[in-house]
Amino acid sequence: MEKFPLPRRRKKPACAFGRDKFFAAIASASLRFISKRKLFWTGICTGNTVSTVNLDRLQTATPNISWPHKMHQFDLNKSLQDLDGQKWPAPTVDSPLFQKCHRLHEVPLRDFTIENLSTTIGQGIGLEYLVPLAIEKLHENPLAKGDCYPGDLLANVLRADAAFWRAHPALHQQLIPITERALSTASADNNICYEIVVESVREAYAKFKRQSRTQA
């Protein structure tokens, strides 16, 4: 009996950033999903005792500002510490994320990289100052890559608290076409790992839009 060849299955594009980065991205996404802005910094010395401090309490509620299209309404030579007036206690625990966030709080904004922006925004730190800078970067490259995968900066910006977007509707509106362009570009690029890049951004965008409907 003559046998007919089975149709070939279309191969999915391989992850361009390698196996290690693949698992790093999975771990990072899981951490953000489970403990978004619930990070507790331990080992903050207060006299002779050691207390556990919620990260939210280390942030200053800066005044609501309506940002125009030109984002830089503050001095980029200053750090978040200079701008929010908060000097964080010296870190006393050996946590890479803890150490990194503490260090970035003292770095001038002009020296922030894509990775730095993605890390701090992902932890909800300094949104008033860092989200406008991030949107400028995303205007140039919607799939700007931090330390995990192309588009991780955009995904972290989309995950910013609903309260921030309610206070800054102009920034909210600017992010919509950027995200649509990112999804279109990533979906058409065979060199991008679809399961990580597109799905991560799409999931964050869905949450972003749900918050928008709630605000309406």
Protein backbone atom coordinates (compact mmCIF):
# COMPACT_ATOMS: atom_id res chain seq x y z
CA MET A 1 0.00 0.00 0.00
CA GLU A 2 1.33 3.37 -0.97
CA LYS A 3 2.15 5.64 1.94
CA PHE A 4 1.57 9.34 1.79
CA PRO A 5 4.06 11.62 3.56
CA LEU A 6 2.74 13.36 6.64
CA PRO A 7 2.66 17.17 6.49
CA ARG A 8 5.58 18.84 8.18
CA ARG A 9 4.91 20.85 11.29
CA ARG A 10 6.02 24.45 11.18
CA LYS A 11 8.99 25.00 13.44
CA LYS A 12 8.73 27.76 16.01
CA PRO A 13 11.54 30.32 16.00
CA ALA A 14 14.27 29.53 18.45
CA CYS A 15 14.98 31.90 21.28
CA ALA A 16 17.70 34.24 20.08
CA PHE A 17 19.06 34.97 23.53
CA GLY A 18 19.93 31.41 24.51
CA ARG A 19 18.78 28.80 26.97
CA ASP A 20 20.13 30.52 30.08
CA LYS A 21 18.33 33.75 29.25
CA PHE A 22 15.16 31.75 28.52
CA PHE A 23 15.03 30.33 32.03
CA ALA A 24 16.08 33.66 33.52
CA ALA A 25 13.13 35.30 31.80
CA ILE A 26 10.74 32.65 33.11
CA ALA A 27 12.04 33.12 36.66
CA SER A 28 11.84 36.90 36.39
CA ALA A 29 8.27 36.83 35.06
CA SER A 30 7.19 34.44 37.79
CA LEU A 31 8.70 36.65 40.48
CA ARG A 32 6.90 39.72 39.17
CA PHE A 33 3.60 37.82 38.94
CA ILE A 34 3.77 36.39 42.45
CA SER A 35 5.28 39.28 44.36
CA LYS A 36 4.74 42.45 42.35
CA ARG A 37 5.66 45.26 44.68
CA LYS A 38 5.47 42.93 47.66
CA LEU A 39 9.23 42.75 48.00
CA PHE A 40 10.33 43.07 51.60
CA TRP A 41 13.78 44.38 52.33
CA THR A 42 15.15 42.74 55.43
CA GLY A 43 18.04 43.65 57.63
CA ILE A 44 17.49 47.39 57.84
CA CYS A 45 19.26 48.34 61.04
CA THR A 46 17.36 50.56 63.44
CA GLY A 47 19.51 51.09 66.51
CA ASN A 48 20.27 47.68 67.99
CA THR A 49 17.41 45.95 66.24
CA VAL A 50 16.81 44.68 62.73
CA SER A 51 13.46 45.43 61.16
CA THR A 52 11.71 44.27 57.99
CA VAL A 53 10.59 47.15 55.80
CA ASN A 54 8.15 47.02 52.88
CA LEU A 55 9.69 48.48 49.74
CA ASP A 56 6.64 50.75 49.32
CA ARG A 57 7.56 52.55 52.55
CA LEU A 58 10.99 53.40 51.17
CA GLN A 59 9.43 55.35 48.32
CA THR A 60 8.27 58.93 48.53
CA ALA A 61 4.89 59.95 47.16
CA THR A 62 6.03 62.71 44.82
CA PRO A 63 3.55 65.35 43.60
CA ASN A 64 1.37 64.44 40.64
CA ILE A 65 2.76 66.04 37.50
CA SER A 66 1.07 66.28 34.10
CA TRP A 67 3.92 65.44 31.74
CA PRO A 68 3.95 67.08 28.33
CA HIS A 69 5.49 65.38 25.30
CA LYS A 70 8.89 66.64 26.37
CA MET A 71 9.57 64.39 29.31
CA HIS A 72 12.54 66.03 30.96
CA GLN A 73 10.97 68.33 33.51
CA PHE A 74 13.65 67.51 36.06
CA ASP A 75 17.43 67.55 36.30
CA LEU A 76 18.93 64.36 34.87
CA ASN A 77 22.12 65.06 36.77
CA LYS A 78 20.23 64.25 39.96
CA SER A 79 19.52 60.81 41.40
CA LEU A 80 16.22 59.47 42.67
CA GLN A 81 17.57 60.11 46.15
CA ASP A 82 18.08 63.78 45.26
CA LEU A 83 14.66 64.11 43.66
CA ASP A 84 12.54 62.30 46.24
CA GLY A 85 14.54 63.51 49.24
CA GLN A 86 14.80 60.02 50.72
CA LYS A 87 18.15 58.61 51.85
CA TRP A 88 17.70 54.88 52.19
CA PRO A 89 19.48 53.07 55.04
CA ALA A 90 22.62 51.17 54.08
CA PRO A 91 21.83 47.62 52.92
CA THR A 92 22.78 44.92 55.41
CA VAL A 93 21.63 41.79 53.55
CA ASP A 94 23.25 39.91 50.70
CA SER A 95 20.45 40.14 48.13
CA PRO A 96 21.46 41.02 44.55
CA LEU A 97 18.14 42.74 43.84
CA PHE A 98 18.26 44.60 47.15
CA GLN A 99 21.82 45.78 46.50
CA LYS A 100 21.06 46.79 42.92
CA CYS A 101 17.94 48.83 43.77
CA HIS A 102 19.76 50.56 46.60
CA ARG A 103 22.68 51.46 44.34
CA LEU A 104 20.41 52.74 41.55
CA HIS A 105 18.59 54.99 43.98
CA GLU A 106 21.84 56.99 44.22
CA VAL A 107 22.77 56.96 40.50
CA PRO A 108 22.17 60.12 38.39
CA LEU A 109 19.28 59.56 36.01
CA ARG A 110 21.45 60.42 33.00
CA ASP A 111 23.43 57.24 33.69
CA PHE A 112 20.42 54.90 33.77
CA THR A 113 20.58 52.11 31.19
CA ILE A 114 17.63 50.18 29.73
CA GLU A 115 18.37 47.42 32.23
CA ASN A 116 18.42 49.92 35.12
CA LEU A 117 15.07 51.37 34.05
CA SER A 118 13.52 47.92 33.68
CA THR A 119 14.72 46.80 37.12
CA THR A 120 13.59 49.86 39.07
CA ILE A 121 10.27 50.30 37.28
CA GLY A 122 9.60 46.59 37.71
CA GLN A 123 9.88 47.12 41.47
CA GLY A 124 7.69 50.23 41.40
CA ILE A 125 10.53 52.58 42.34
CA GLY A 126 10.61 56.22 41.20
CA LEU A 127 7.80 55.89 38.65
CA GLU A 128 7.22 59.65 38.54
CA TYR A 129 10.70 60.14 37.10
CA LEU A 130 11.58 56.85 35.44
CA VAL A 131 8.44 56.08 33.41
CA PRO A 132 8.79 59.29 31.33
CA LEU A 133 12.42 58.37 30.62
CA ALA A 134 11.42 54.82 29.74
CA ILE A 135 8.72 56.02 27.32
CA GLU A 136 11.32 58.15 25.54
CA LYS A 137 13.46 55.02 25.08
CA LEU A 138 10.44 53.01 23.95
CA HIS A 139 9.53 55.63 21.34
CA GLU A 140 12.93 54.90 19.78
CA ASN A 141 12.76 51.12 20.25
CA PRO A 142 9.54 49.53 21.56
CA LEU A 143 11.37 46.23 22.09
CA ALA A 144 14.28 47.71 24.05
CA LYS A 145 15.96 44.90 25.98
CA GLY A 146 16.87 45.04 29.66
CA ASP A 147 18.42 42.07 31.43
CA CYS A 148 15.92 39.38 30.36
CA TYR A 149 14.46 39.59 26.85
CA PRO A 150 13.56 42.09 24.10
CA GLY A 151 10.52 44.02 25.30
CA ASP A 152 11.05 43.49 29.03
CA LEU A 153 11.27 47.25 29.62
CA LEU A 154 7.90 47.75 27.91
CA ALA A 155 6.36 44.87 29.89
CA ASN A 156 7.51 46.37 33.20
CA VAL A 157 6.23 49.83 32.27
CA LEU A 158 2.84 48.34 31.34
CA ARG A 159 2.72 46.66 34.76
CA ALA A 160 3.06 49.96 36.65
CA ASP A 161 0.36 50.56 39.25
CA ALA A 162 -3.08 51.67 38.08
CA ALA A 163 -2.85 54.66 40.43
CA PHE A 164 0.15 55.96 38.50
CA TRP A 165 -1.68 55.77 35.17
CA ARG A 166 -4.74 57.48 36.63
CA ALA A 167 -2.49 60.35 37.70
CA HIS A 168 -0.78 60.53 34.28
CA PRO A 169 -3.32 59.97 31.48
CA ALA A 170 -1.06 61.60 28.86
CA LEU A 171 1.66 59.02 29.48
CA HIS A 172 -0.99 56.31 29.44
CA GLN A 173 -2.12 57.37 25.98
CA GLN A 174 1.44 57.53 24.64
CA LEU A 175 2.10 53.94 25.67
CA ILE A 176 -0.78 52.46 23.64
CA PRO A 177 0.66 52.99 20.10
CA ILE A 178 4.11 52.02 21.37
CA THR A 179 2.77 48.69 22.60
CA GLU A 180 0.81 48.03 19.41
CA ARG A 181 3.95 48.67 17.38
CA ALA A 182 6.00 46.39 19.62
CA LEU A 183 3.54 43.50 19.29
CA SER A 184 3.33 43.92 15.53
CA THR A 185 7.11 44.00 15.15
CA ALA A 186 7.74 41.05 17.46
CA SER A 187 5.04 38.88 15.89
CA ALA A 188 6.59 39.32 12.43
CA ASP A 189 10.20 38.70 13.51
CA ASN A 190 11.23 35.04 13.22
CA ASN A 191 14.38 35.74 15.23
CA ILE A 192 12.36 36.61 18.34
CA CYS A 193 11.19 33.95 20.76
CA TYR A 194 7.42 34.33 20.42
CA GLU A 195 6.51 32.48 23.62
CA ILE A 196 8.58 34.83 25.78
CA VAL A 197 8.57 38.21 24.08
CA VAL A 198 5.11 38.44 22.54
CA GLU A 199 3.24 36.59 25.26
CA SER A 200 4.91 38.56 28.07
CA VAL A 201 4.13 41.91 26.49
CA ARG A 202 0.64 40.80 25.50
CA GLU A 203 -0.15 39.65 29.04
CA ALA A 204 1.08 42.94 30.52
CA TYR A 205 -0.86 44.90 27.88
CA ALA A 206 -4.07 43.01 28.67
CA LYS A 207 -3.74 44.01 32.33
CA PHE A 208 -2.97 47.59 31.30
CA LYS A 209 -6.16 47.74 29.21
CA ARG A 210 -8.28 46.17 31.94
CA GLN A 211 -7.13 48.91 34.29
CA SER A 212 -8.06 51.47 31.64
CA ARG A 213 -11.60 50.13 31.42
CA THR A 214 -11.86 50.22 35.21
CA GLN A 215 -10.79 53.88 35.23
CA ALA A 216 -13.34 54.85 32.58
